[in-house]
Structures are given as structure tokens and as C-alpha cells.
Amino acid sequence: MPKIKTNRSARKRLRKTGTGKLKRNKSLAGHFLAKKSSKRKRNLRKSTLVSSSDEKRVKKLVPYL
């Protein structure tokens, strides 16, 4: 059986937690920040988990993570 290629862009964006879930950073924090409130920008700095509905699909992108 050949090795599965890792999607490199996904690999750079994801980390694995101790329980095996995937951790990601939130989007929409790159630009257009003047119109966003301080509270919203502060919450965008926090990381979150990949949703359970997407997790199976995303794990195929990073099989050896």
C-alpha cells in the first residue's frame, strides 16, 4: 500500500490535541479590522476545534498528524 500524501497547506494550519481532535485558528482576522469591535478581534485570536461534521474530511488531508 503506498503512502498517502499530506496536504501541506492543511498541515501548516492544524494541530492535534491530546484527545486526538484537530485544533485550528479562526478566520477573518487578517484585514478589514477597523470595522470589527475589540471584543470580536480579541475572540478571533483564540483557537478553536474543527467541527465534528468536518473532522472526518479534514483528517484525510493530514493522515499522519
PDB file of N, CA and C in Angstrom:
ATOM      1  N   MET A   1       0.843  -1.178   0.000  1.00  0.00           N
ATOM      2  CA  MET A   1       0.000   0.000   0.000  1.00  0.00           C
ATOM      3  C   MET A   1       0.893   1.248   0.000  1.00  0.00           C
ATOM      4  N   PRO A   2       0.686   2.178  -0.944  1.00  0.00           N
ATOM      5  CA  PRO A   2       1.532   3.378  -0.975  1.00  0.00           C
ATOM      6  C   PRO A   2       1.181   4.336   0.158  1.00  0.00           C
ATOM      7  N   LYS A   3       2.125   5.197   0.446  1.00  0.00           N
ATOM      8  CA  LYS A   3       1.897   6.227   1.460  1.00  0.00           C
ATOM      9  C   LYS A   3       0.893   7.251   0.928  1.00  0.00           C
ATOM     10  N   ILE A   4       0.173   7.876   1.834  1.00  0.00           N
ATOM     11  CA  ILE A   4      -0.795   8.907   1.453  1.00  0.00           C
ATOM     12  C   ILE A   4      -0.105  10.257   1.582  1.00  0.00           C
ATOM     13  N   LYS A   5      -0.269  11.098   0.578  1.00  0.00           N
ATOM     14  CA  LYS A   5       0.339  12.426   0.643  1.00  0.00           C
ATOM     15  C   LYS A   5      -0.463  13.318   1.588  1.00  0.00           C
ATOM     16  N   THR A   6       0.264  14.062   2.413  1.00  0.00           N
ATOM     17  CA  THR A   6      -0.347  15.050   3.303  1.00  0.00           C
ATOM     18  C   THR A   6      -0.584  16.336   2.529  1.00  0.00           C
ATOM     19  N   ASN A   7      -1.733  16.940   2.732  1.00  0.00           N
ATOM     20  CA  ASN A   7      -1.991  18.254   2.156  1.00  0.00           C
ATOM     21  C   ASN A   7      -1.195  19.270   2.975  1.00  0.00           C
ATOM     22  N   ARG A   8      -0.199  19.888   2.366  1.00  0.00           N
ATOM     23  CA  ARG A   8       0.750  20.721   3.103  1.00  0.00           C
ATOM     24  C   ARG A   8       0.107  21.985   3.661  1.00  0.00           C
ATOM     25  N   SER A   9      -0.859  22.545   2.953  1.00  0.00           N
ATOM     26  CA  SER A   9      -1.495  23.758   3.468  1.00  0.00           C
ATOM     27  C   SER A   9      -2.316  23.433   4.712  1.00  0.00           C
ATOM     28  N   ALA A  10      -2.977  22.266   4.721  1.00  0.00           N
ATOM     29  CA  ALA A  10      -3.743  21.854   5.894  1.00  0.00           C
ATOM     30  C   ALA A  10      -2.805  21.548   7.057  1.00  0.00           C
ATOM     31  N   ARG A  11      -1.682  20.934   6.763  1.00  0.00           N
ATOM     32  CA  ARG A  11      -0.713  20.568   7.805  1.00  0.00           C
ATOM     33  C   ARG A  11      -0.211  21.807   8.555  1.00  0.00           C
ATOM     34  N   LYS A  12      -0.003  22.890   7.837  1.00  0.00           N
ATOM     35  CA  LYS A  12       0.507  24.118   8.458  1.00  0.00           C
ATOM     36  C   LYS A  12      -0.553  24.834   9.287  1.00  0.00           C
ATOM     37  N   ARG A  13      -1.822  24.537   9.042  1.00  0.00           N
ATOM     38  CA  ARG A  13      -2.917  25.232   9.731  1.00  0.00           C
ATOM     39  C   ARG A  13      -3.496  24.473  10.912  1.00  0.00           C
ATOM     40  N   LEU A  14      -3.174  23.201  11.058  1.00  0.00           N
ATOM     41  CA  LEU A  14      -3.820  22.364  12.068  1.00  0.00           C
ATOM     42  C   LEU A  14      -2.825  21.795  13.059  1.00  0.00           C
ATOM     43  N   ARG A  15      -3.308  21.595  14.298  1.00  0.00           N
ATOM     44  CA  ARG A  15      -2.544  20.896  15.327  1.00  0.00           C
ATOM     45  C   ARG A  15      -3.467  19.877  15.957  1.00  0.00           C
ATOM     46  N   LYS A  16      -2.892  18.842  16.541  1.00  0.00           N
ATOM     47  CA  LYS A  16      -3.691  17.807  17.172  1.00  0.00           C
ATOM     48  C   LYS A  16      -3.697  18.022  18.679  1.00  0.00           C
ATOM     49  N   THR A  17      -4.856  17.852  19.294  1.00  0.00           N
ATOM     50  CA  THR A  17      -4.951  17.988  20.744  1.00  0.00           C
ATOM     51  C   THR A  17      -4.589  16.657  21.401  1.00  0.00           C
ATOM     52  N   GLY A  18      -4.532  16.649  22.702  1.00  0.00           N
ATOM     53  CA  GLY A  18      -4.195  15.437  23.427  1.00  0.00           C
ATOM     54  C   GLY A  18      -5.214  14.329  23.240  1.00  0.00           C
ATOM     55  N   THR A  19      -6.472  14.701  23.002  1.00  0.00           N
ATOM     56  CA  THR A  19      -7.522  13.697  22.830  1.00  0.00           C
ATOM     57  C   THR A  19      -7.707  13.294  21.369  1.00  0.00           C
ATOM     58  N   GLY A  20      -6.890  13.866  20.465  1.00  0.00           N
ATOM     59  CA  GLY A  20      -6.960  13.472  19.059  1.00  0.00           C
ATOM     60  C   GLY A  20      -7.824  14.353  18.186  1.00  0.00           C
ATOM     61  N   LYS A  21      -8.396  15.405  18.752  1.00  0.00           N
ATOM     62  CA  LYS A  21      -9.192  16.328  17.943  1.00  0.00           C
ATOM     63  C   LYS A  21      -8.264  17.295  17.225  1.00  0.00           C
ATOM     64  N   LEU A  22      -8.786  17.977  16.218  1.00  0.00           N
ATOM     65  CA  LEU A  22      -7.980  18.917  15.442  1.00  0.00           C
ATOM     66  C   LEU A  22      -8.279  20.346  15.879  1.00  0.00           C
ATOM     67  N   LYS A  23      -7.211  21.101  16.073  1.00  0.00           N
ATOM     68  CA  LYS A  23      -7.298  22.471  16.538  1.00  0.00           C
ATOM     69  C   LYS A  23      -6.944  23.385  15.369  1.00  0.00           C
ATOM     70  N   ARG A  24      -7.692  24.473  15.216  1.00  0.00           N
ATOM     71  CA  ARG A  24      -7.447  25.403  14.119  1.00  0.00           C
ATOM     72  C   ARG A  24      -7.566  26.831  14.618  1.00  0.00           C
ATOM     73  N   ASN A  25      -7.021  27.762  13.847  1.00  0.00           N
ATOM     74  CA  ASN A  25      -7.184  29.170  14.154  1.00  0.00           C
ATOM     75  C   ASN A  25      -8.434  29.702  13.468  1.00  0.00           C
ATOM     76  N   LYS A  26      -9.012  30.738  14.014  1.00  0.00           N
ATOM     77  CA  LYS A  26     -10.217  31.319  13.434  1.00  0.00           C
ATOM     78  C   LYS A  26      -9.857  32.182  12.227  1.00  0.00           C
ATOM     79  N   SER A  27     -10.804  32.299  11.318  1.00  0.00           N
ATOM     80  CA  SER A  27     -10.594  33.094  10.112  1.00  0.00           C
ATOM     81  C   SER A  27     -11.093  34.523  10.325  1.00  0.00           C
ATOM     82  N   LEU A  28     -10.929  35.350   9.325  1.00  0.00           N
ATOM     83  CA  LEU A  28     -11.424  36.734   9.267  1.00  0.00           C
ATOM     84  C   LEU A  28     -10.663  37.687  10.184  1.00  0.00           C
ATOM     85  N   ALA A  29      -9.429  37.370  10.558  1.00  0.00           N
ATOM     86  CA  ALA A  29      -8.668  38.255  11.438  1.00  0.00           C
ATOM     87  C   ALA A  29      -7.471  38.883  10.719  1.00  0.00           C
ATOM     88  N   GLY A  30      -7.460  38.811   9.395  1.00  0.00           N
ATOM     89  CA  GLY A  30      -6.299  39.274   8.649  1.00  0.00           C
ATOM     90  C   GLY A  30      -6.346  40.738   8.251  1.00  0.00           C
ATOM     91  N   HIS A  31      -7.488  41.192   7.795  1.00  0.00           N
ATOM     92  CA  HIS A  31      -7.607  42.594   7.368  1.00  0.00           C
ATOM     93  C   HIS A  31      -9.040  43.044   7.556  1.00  0.00           C
ATOM     94  N   PHE A  32      -9.341  44.286   7.211  1.00  0.00           N
ATOM     95  CA  PHE A  32     -10.633  44.932   7.495  1.00  0.00           C
ATOM     96  C   PHE A  32     -10.911  44.919   8.991  1.00  0.00           C
ATOM     97  N   LEU A  33      -9.901  45.246   9.776  1.00  0.00           N
ATOM     98  CA  LEU A  33     -10.046  45.148  11.221  1.00  0.00           C
ATOM     99  C   LEU A  33     -10.636  46.403  11.849  1.00  0.00           C
ATOM    100  N   ALA A  34     -10.659  47.506  11.106  1.00  0.00           N
ATOM    101  CA  ALA A  34     -11.166  48.754  11.669  1.00  0.00           C
ATOM    102  C   ALA A  34     -12.660  48.671  11.963  1.00  0.00           C
ATOM    103  N   LYS A  35     -13.381  47.923  11.150  1.00  0.00           N
ATOM    104  CA  LYS A  35     -14.834  47.838  11.347  1.00  0.00           C
ATOM    105  C   LYS A  35     -15.234  46.791  12.375  1.00  0.00           C
ATOM    106  N   LYS A  36     -14.289  45.984  12.844  1.00  0.00           N
ATOM    107  CA  LYS A  36     -14.602  44.950  13.826  1.00  0.00           C
ATOM    108  C   LYS A  36     -14.342  45.473  15.234  1.00  0.00           C
ATOM    109  N   SER A  37     -15.185  45.086  16.160  1.00  0.00           N
ATOM    110  CA  SER A  37     -15.044  45.568  17.528  1.00  0.00           C
ATOM    111  C   SER A  37     -13.838  44.904  18.202  1.00  0.00           C
ATOM    112  N   SER A  38     -13.353  45.530  19.269  1.00  0.00           N
ATOM    113  CA  SER A  38     -12.218  44.990  20.008  1.00  0.00           C
ATOM    114  C   SER A  38     -12.529  43.607  20.551  1.00  0.00           C
ATOM    115  N   LYS A  39     -13.744  43.434  21.029  1.00  0.00           N
ATOM    116  CA  LYS A  39     -14.160  42.134  21.571  1.00  0.00           C
ATOM    117  C   LYS A  39     -14.112  41.056  20.494  1.00  0.00           C
ATOM    118  N   ARG A  40     -14.603  41.407  19.320  1.00  0.00           N
ATOM    119  CA  ARG A  40     -14.614  40.444  18.211  1.00  0.00           C
ATOM    120  C   ARG A  40     -13.196  40.082  17.782  1.00  0.00           C
ATOM    121  N   LYS A  41     -12.321  41.082  17.693  1.00  0.00           N
ATOM    122  CA  LYS A  41     -10.930  40.825  17.304  1.00  0.00           C
ATOM    123  C   LYS A  41     -10.207  40.003  18.357  1.00  0.00           C
ATOM    124  N   ARG A  42     -10.500  40.268  19.614  1.00  0.00           N
ATOM    125  CA  ARG A  42      -9.891  39.510  20.708  1.00  0.00           C
ATOM    126  C   ARG A  42     -10.310  38.038  20.638  1.00  0.00           C
ATOM    127  N   ASN A  43     -11.584  37.787  20.353  1.00  0.00           N
ATOM    128  CA  ASN A  43     -12.064  36.414  20.252  1.00  0.00           C
ATOM    129  C   ASN A  43     -11.538  35.698  19.015  1.00  0.00           C
ATOM    130  N   LEU A  44     -11.202  36.439  17.975  1.00  0.00           N
ATOM    131  CA  LEU A  44     -10.623  35.822  16.782  1.00  0.00           C
ATOM    132  C   LEU A  44      -9.188  35.351  17.016  1.00  0.00           C
ATOM    133  N   ARG A  45      -8.541  35.870  18.046  1.00  0.00           N
ATOM    134  CA  ARG A  45      -7.167  35.427  18.355  1.00  0.00           C
ATOM    135  C   ARG A  45      -7.137  34.028  18.945  1.00  0.00           C
ATOM    136  N   LYS A  46      -8.243  33.605  19.540  1.00  0.00           N
ATOM    137  CA  LYS A  46      -8.291  32.292  20.184  1.00  0.00           C
ATOM    138  C   LYS A  46      -8.418  31.194  19.131  1.00  0.00           C
ATOM    139  N   SER A  47      -7.897  30.032  19.453  1.00  0.00           N
ATOM    140  CA  SER A  47      -8.061  28.906  18.536  1.00  0.00           C
ATOM    141  C   SER A  47      -9.322  28.140  18.907  1.00  0.00           C
ATOM    142  N   THR A  48      -9.754  27.291  17.996  1.00  0.00           N
ATOM    143  CA  THR A  48     -10.972  26.508  18.204  1.00  0.00           C
ATOM    144  C   THR A  48     -10.774  25.131  17.591  1.00  0.00           C
ATOM    145  N   LEU A  49     -11.739  24.262  17.777  1.00  0.00           N
ATOM    146  CA  LEU A  49     -11.647  22.910  17.232  1.00  0.00           C
ATOM    147  C   LEU A  49     -12.349  22.838  15.878  1.00  0.00           C
ATOM    148  N   VAL A  50     -11.866  21.939  15.029  1.00  0.00           N
ATOM    149  CA  VAL A  50     -12.545  21.666  13.769  1.00  0.00           C
ATOM    150  C   VAL A  50     -13.890  21.020  14.123  1.00  0.00           C
ATOM    151  N   SER A  51     -14.956  21.436  13.459  1.00  0.00           N
ATOM    152  CA  SER A  51     -16.280  20.926  13.795  1.00  0.00           C
ATOM    153  C   SER A  51     -16.366  19.426  13.522  1.00  0.00           C
ATOM    154  N   SER A  52     -17.211  18.750  14.270  1.00  0.00           N
ATOM    155  CA  SER A  52     -17.312  17.298  14.160  1.00  0.00           C
ATOM    156  C   SER A  52     -17.790  16.862  12.780  1.00  0.00           C
ATOM    157  N   SER A  53     -18.601  17.691  12.118  1.00  0.00           N
ATOM    158  CA  SER A  53     -19.088  17.337  10.783  1.00  0.00           C
ATOM    159  C   SER A  53     -17.973  17.408   9.736  1.00  0.00           C
ATOM    160  N   ASP A  54     -16.963  18.233   9.962  1.00  0.00           N
ATOM    161  CA  ASP A  54     -15.844  18.368   9.014  1.00  0.00           C
ATOM    162  C   ASP A  54     -14.659  17.488   9.374  1.00  0.00           C
ATOM    163  N   GLU A  55     -14.627  16.967  10.583  1.00  0.00           N
ATOM    164  CA  GLU A  55     -13.414  16.323  11.092  1.00  0.00           C
ATOM    165  C   GLU A  55     -12.970  15.128  10.248  1.00  0.00           C
ATOM    166  N   LYS A  56     -13.889  14.290   9.816  1.00  0.00           N
ATOM    167  CA  LYS A  56     -13.531  13.108   9.029  1.00  0.00           C
ATOM    168  C   LYS A  56     -12.883  13.527   7.711  1.00  0.00           C
ATOM    169  N   ARG A  57     -13.457  14.557   7.075  1.00  0.00           N
ATOM    170  CA  ARG A  57     -12.931  15.048   5.795  1.00  0.00           C
ATOM    171  C   ARG A  57     -11.541  15.670   5.974  1.00  0.00           C
ATOM    172  N   VAL A  58     -11.377  16.435   7.038  1.00  0.00           N
ATOM    173  CA  VAL A  58     -10.121  17.128   7.276  1.00  0.00           C
ATOM    174  C   VAL A  58      -9.014  16.148   7.676  1.00  0.00           C
ATOM    175  N   LYS A  59      -9.368  15.098   8.402  1.00  0.00           N
ATOM    176  CA  LYS A  59      -8.363  14.105   8.807  1.00  0.00           C
ATOM    177  C   LYS A  59      -7.766  13.370   7.617  1.00  0.00           C
ATOM    178  N   LYS A  60      -8.501  13.278   6.515  1.00  0.00           N
ATOM    179  CA  LYS A  60      -7.961  12.672   5.298  1.00  0.00           C
ATOM    180  C   LYS A  60      -6.862  13.545   4.682  1.00  0.00           C
ATOM    181  N   LEU A  61      -6.927  14.843   4.941  1.00  0.00           N
ATOM    182  CA  LEU A  61      -5.908  15.751   4.413  1.00  0.00           C
ATOM    183  C   LEU A  61      -4.601  15.626   5.163  1.00  0.00           C
ATOM    184  N   VAL A  62      -4.683  15.269   6.446  1.00  0.00           N
ATOM    185  CA  VAL A  62      -3.475  15.155   7.289  1.00  0.00           C
ATOM    186  C   VAL A  62      -3.452  13.773   7.965  1.00  0.00           C
ATOM    187  N   PRO A  63      -3.194  12.720   7.187  1.00  0.00           N
ATOM    188  CA  PRO A  63      -3.317  11.367   7.741  1.00  0.00           C
ATOM    189  C   PRO A  63      -2.293  11.033   8.807  1.00  0.00           C
ATOM    190  N   TYR A  64      -1.143  11.693   8.823  1.00  0.00           N
ATOM    191  CA  TYR A  64      -0.073  11.331   9.777  1.00  0.00           C
ATOM    192  C   TYR A  64       0.098  12.349  10.878  1.00  0.00           C
ATOM    193  N   LEU A  65      -0.876  13.219  11.060  1.00  0.00           N
ATOM    194  CA  LEU A  65      -0.794  14.246  12.101  1.00  0.00           C
ATOM    195  C   LEU A  65      -1.057  13.627  13.457  1.00  0.00           C
TER     196      LEU A  65
END
